[in-house]
Amino acid sequence: MSGVKKNITQSKFNTVIEYFQSNPKQILFRVVALLLLFWFLFDDYGILKRVRMEIEYGSLLERYTIEQQKMLDNEQRIQHAREPDSIEKAARERYNFRKSGETLFIIRGE
């Protein structure tokens, strides 16, 4: 039985060798195309890395705009910090202060 298996394996091997010998340019072209495809996809500057970098850039840009808005809000609060209305507003919102005779309702967001 092992002789039959060996014979079948050898015949398959011979068939592959004959195909390579009959079409060497086609085989070379396919191998080069496959290598180029892997190079374009998985290189340090390949398509997959480029897509990941674009996604990260988008998230960083969004975070940057949020932080810029926070900075603008803080600058406005600093400019209006000396006004009595802003001091009263901060005391009411942050520290839950109230005037005498007022009822305080605390509504917490989720």
C-alpha atoms as a PDB file:
ATOM      1  CA  MET A   1       0.000   0.000   0.000  1.00  0.00           C
ATOM      2  CA  SER A   2       2.788   2.445   0.762  1.00  0.00           C
ATOM      3  CA  GLY A   3       4.132   1.866  -2.753  1.00  0.00           C
ATOM      4  CA  VAL A   4       0.811   2.969  -4.253  1.00  0.00           C
ATOM      5  CA  LYS A   5       0.699   6.058  -1.986  1.00  0.00           C
ATOM      6  CA  LYS A   6       4.271   6.937  -2.934  1.00  0.00           C
ATOM      7  CA  ASN A   7       3.448   6.500  -6.601  1.00  0.00           C
ATOM      8  CA  ILE A   8       0.371   8.771  -6.357  1.00  0.00           C
ATOM      9  CA  THR A   9       2.346  11.430  -4.473  1.00  0.00           C
ATOM     10  CA  GLN A  10       5.162  11.273  -7.002  1.00  0.00           C
ATOM     11  CA  SER A  11       2.733  11.582  -9.910  1.00  0.00           C
ATOM     12  CA  LYS A  12       1.133  14.673  -8.324  1.00  0.00           C
ATOM     13  CA  PHE A  13       4.595  16.146  -7.781  1.00  0.00           C
ATOM     14  CA  ASN A  14       5.513  15.466 -11.403  1.00  0.00           C
ATOM     15  CA  THR A  15       2.290  17.115 -12.574  1.00  0.00           C
ATOM     16  CA  VAL A  16       3.108  20.261 -10.580  1.00  0.00           C
ATOM     17  CA  ILE A  17       6.670  20.336 -11.930  1.00  0.00           C
ATOM     18  CA  GLU A  18       5.386  19.965 -15.487  1.00  0.00           C
ATOM     19  CA  TYR A  19       2.943  22.858 -14.942  1.00  0.00           C
ATOM     20  CA  PHE A  20       5.775  25.076 -13.651  1.00  0.00           C
ATOM     21  CA  GLN A  21       7.961  24.159 -16.595  1.00  0.00           C
ATOM     22  CA  SER A  22       5.211  24.773 -19.157  1.00  0.00           C
ATOM     23  CA  ASN A  23       4.165  28.214 -17.749  1.00  0.00           C
ATOM     24  CA  PRO A  24       7.208  29.826 -16.075  1.00  0.00           C
ATOM     25  CA  LYS A  25       6.271  33.436 -16.947  1.00  0.00           C
ATOM     26  CA  GLN A  26       2.725  33.026 -15.675  1.00  0.00           C
ATOM     27  CA  ILE A  27       3.947  31.503 -12.410  1.00  0.00           C
ATOM     28  CA  LEU A  28       6.545  34.249 -11.985  1.00  0.00           C
ATOM     29  CA  PHE A  29       3.919  36.920 -12.660  1.00  0.00           C
ATOM     30  CA  ARG A  30       1.543  35.434 -10.082  1.00  0.00           C
ATOM     31  CA  VAL A  31       4.263  35.185  -7.436  1.00  0.00           C
ATOM     32  CA  VAL A  32       5.381  38.777  -8.039  1.00  0.00           C
ATOM     33  CA  ALA A  33       1.763  39.997  -7.966  1.00  0.00           C
ATOM     34  CA  LEU A  34       1.147  38.159  -4.705  1.00  0.00           C
ATOM     35  CA  LEU A  35       4.293  39.641  -3.145  1.00  0.00           C
ATOM     36  CA  LEU A  36       3.315  43.133  -4.260  1.00  0.00           C
ATOM     37  CA  LEU A  37      -0.152  42.663  -2.808  1.00  0.00           C
ATOM     38  CA  PHE A  38       1.279  41.637   0.556  1.00  0.00           C
ATOM     39  CA  TRP A  39       3.707  44.543   0.391  1.00  0.00           C
ATOM     40  CA  PHE A  40       0.939  47.095  -0.293  1.00  0.00           C
ATOM     41  CA  LEU A  41      -1.254  45.702   2.473  1.00  0.00           C
ATOM     42  CA  PHE A  42       1.128  44.875   5.281  1.00  0.00           C
ATOM     43  CA  ASP A  43       4.168  47.139   4.889  1.00  0.00           C
ATOM     44  CA  ASP A  44       4.985  49.842   7.456  1.00  0.00           C
ATOM     45  CA  TYR A  45       3.225  52.346   5.197  1.00  0.00           C
ATOM     46  CA  GLY A  46       0.743  49.853   3.786  1.00  0.00           C
ATOM     47  CA  ILE A  47      -2.957  50.321   3.271  1.00  0.00           C
ATOM     48  CA  LEU A  48      -4.024  48.708   6.553  1.00  0.00           C
ATOM     49  CA  LYS A  49      -1.695  50.871   8.610  1.00  0.00           C
ATOM     50  CA  ARG A  50      -2.808  53.928   6.648  1.00  0.00           C
ATOM     51  CA  VAL A  51      -6.473  53.205   7.452  1.00  0.00           C
ATOM     52  CA  ARG A  52      -5.672  52.771  11.153  1.00  0.00           C
ATOM     53  CA  MET A  53      -3.744  56.039  11.151  1.00  0.00           C
ATOM     54  CA  GLU A  54      -6.628  57.888   9.453  1.00  0.00           C
ATOM     55  CA  ILE A  55      -9.072  56.599  12.079  1.00  0.00           C
ATOM     56  CA  GLU A  56      -6.733  57.648  14.879  1.00  0.00           C
ATOM     57  CA  TYR A  57      -6.258  61.069  13.245  1.00  0.00           C
ATOM     58  CA  GLY A  58     -10.021  61.570  13.120  1.00  0.00           C
ATOM     59  CA  SER A  59     -10.442  60.715  16.788  1.00  0.00           C
ATOM     60  CA  LEU A  60      -7.533  62.966  17.776  1.00  0.00           C
ATOM     61  CA  LEU A  61      -8.952  65.822  15.719  1.00  0.00           C
ATOM     62  CA  GLU A  62     -12.321  65.425  17.439  1.00  0.00           C
ATOM     63  CA  ARG A  63     -10.636  65.367  20.843  1.00  0.00           C
ATOM     64  CA  TYR A  64      -8.641  68.469  19.892  1.00  0.00           C
ATOM     65  CA  THR A  65     -11.788  70.437  19.033  1.00  0.00           C
ATOM     66  CA  ILE A  66     -13.415  69.400  22.314  1.00  0.00           C
ATOM     67  CA  GLU A  67     -10.366  70.529  24.283  1.00  0.00           C
ATOM     68  CA  GLN A  68     -10.244  73.817  22.343  1.00  0.00           C
ATOM     69  CA  GLN A  69     -13.880  74.461  23.272  1.00  0.00           C
ATOM     70  CA  LYS A  70     -13.118  73.724  26.934  1.00  0.00           C
ATOM     71  CA  MET A  71     -10.243  76.200  26.806  1.00  0.00           C
ATOM     72  CA  LEU A  72     -12.491  78.891  25.326  1.00  0.00           C
ATOM     73  CA  ASP A  73     -15.116  78.244  28.004  1.00  0.00           C
ATOM     74  CA  ASN A  74     -12.483  78.505  30.741  1.00  0.00           C
ATOM     75  CA  GLU A  75     -11.116  81.741  29.284  1.00  0.00           C
ATOM     76  CA  GLN A  76     -14.607  83.246  29.295  1.00  0.00           C
ATOM     77  CA  ARG A  77     -15.141  82.136  32.886  1.00  0.00           C
ATOM     78  CA  ILE A  78     -11.824  83.737  33.879  1.00  0.00           C
ATOM     79  CA  GLN A  79     -12.747  87.007  32.151  1.00  0.00           C
ATOM     80  CA  HIS A  80     -16.114  87.140  33.920  1.00  0.00           C
ATOM     81  CA  ALA A  81     -14.883  85.835  37.272  1.00  0.00           C
ATOM     82  CA  ARG A  82     -14.981  89.203  39.007  1.00  0.00           C
ATOM     83  CA  GLU A  83     -18.612  89.905  38.164  1.00  0.00           C
ATOM     84  CA  PRO A  84     -20.992  89.290  41.090  1.00  0.00           C
ATOM     85  CA  ASP A  85     -23.486  87.387  38.929  1.00  0.00           C
ATOM     86  CA  SER A  86     -20.864  84.835  37.866  1.00  0.00           C
ATOM     87  CA  ILE A  87     -19.738  84.299  41.462  1.00  0.00           C
ATOM     88  CA  GLU A  88     -23.338  83.709  42.516  1.00  0.00           C
ATOM     89  CA  LYS A  89     -23.936  81.359  39.569  1.00  0.00           C
ATOM     90  CA  ALA A  90     -20.817  79.317  40.399  1.00  0.00           C
ATOM     91  CA  ALA A  91     -21.809  79.102  44.060  1.00  0.00           C
ATOM     92  CA  ARG A  92     -25.304  77.908  43.181  1.00  0.00           C
ATOM     93  CA  GLU A  93     -24.260  75.381  40.496  1.00  0.00           C
ATOM     94  CA  ARG A  94     -21.133  73.905  41.996  1.00  0.00           C
ATOM     95  CA  TYR A  95     -21.635  74.156  45.712  1.00  0.00           C
ATOM     96  CA  ASN A  96     -25.448  74.024  45.936  1.00  0.00           C
ATOM     97  CA  PHE A  97     -25.727  77.323  47.772  1.00  0.00           C
ATOM     98  CA  ARG A  98     -29.109  78.988  48.047  1.00  0.00           C
ATOM     99  CA  LYS A  99     -30.594  82.210  49.273  1.00  0.00           C
ATOM    100  CA  SER A 100     -32.690  82.217  52.381  1.00  0.00           C
ATOM    101  CA  GLY A 101     -36.285  81.336  51.620  1.00  0.00           C
ATOM    102  CA  GLU A 102     -35.424  79.409  48.440  1.00  0.00           C
ATOM    103  CA  THR A 103     -36.018  75.717  47.967  1.00  0.00           C
ATOM    104  CA  LEU A 104     -33.112  73.823  46.442  1.00  0.00           C
ATOM    105  CA  PHE A 105     -33.816  71.072  43.926  1.00  0.00           C
ATOM    106  CA  ILE A 106     -30.847  68.952  42.850  1.00  0.00           C
ATOM    107  CA  ILE A 107     -31.279  67.157  39.540  1.00  0.00           C
ATOM    108  CA  ARG A 108     -28.429  64.863  38.686  1.00  0.00           C
ATOM    109  CA  GLY A 109     -27.810  63.755  35.100  1.00  0.00           C
ATOM    110  CA  GLU A 110     -26.865  60.238  34.200  1.00  0.00           C
END
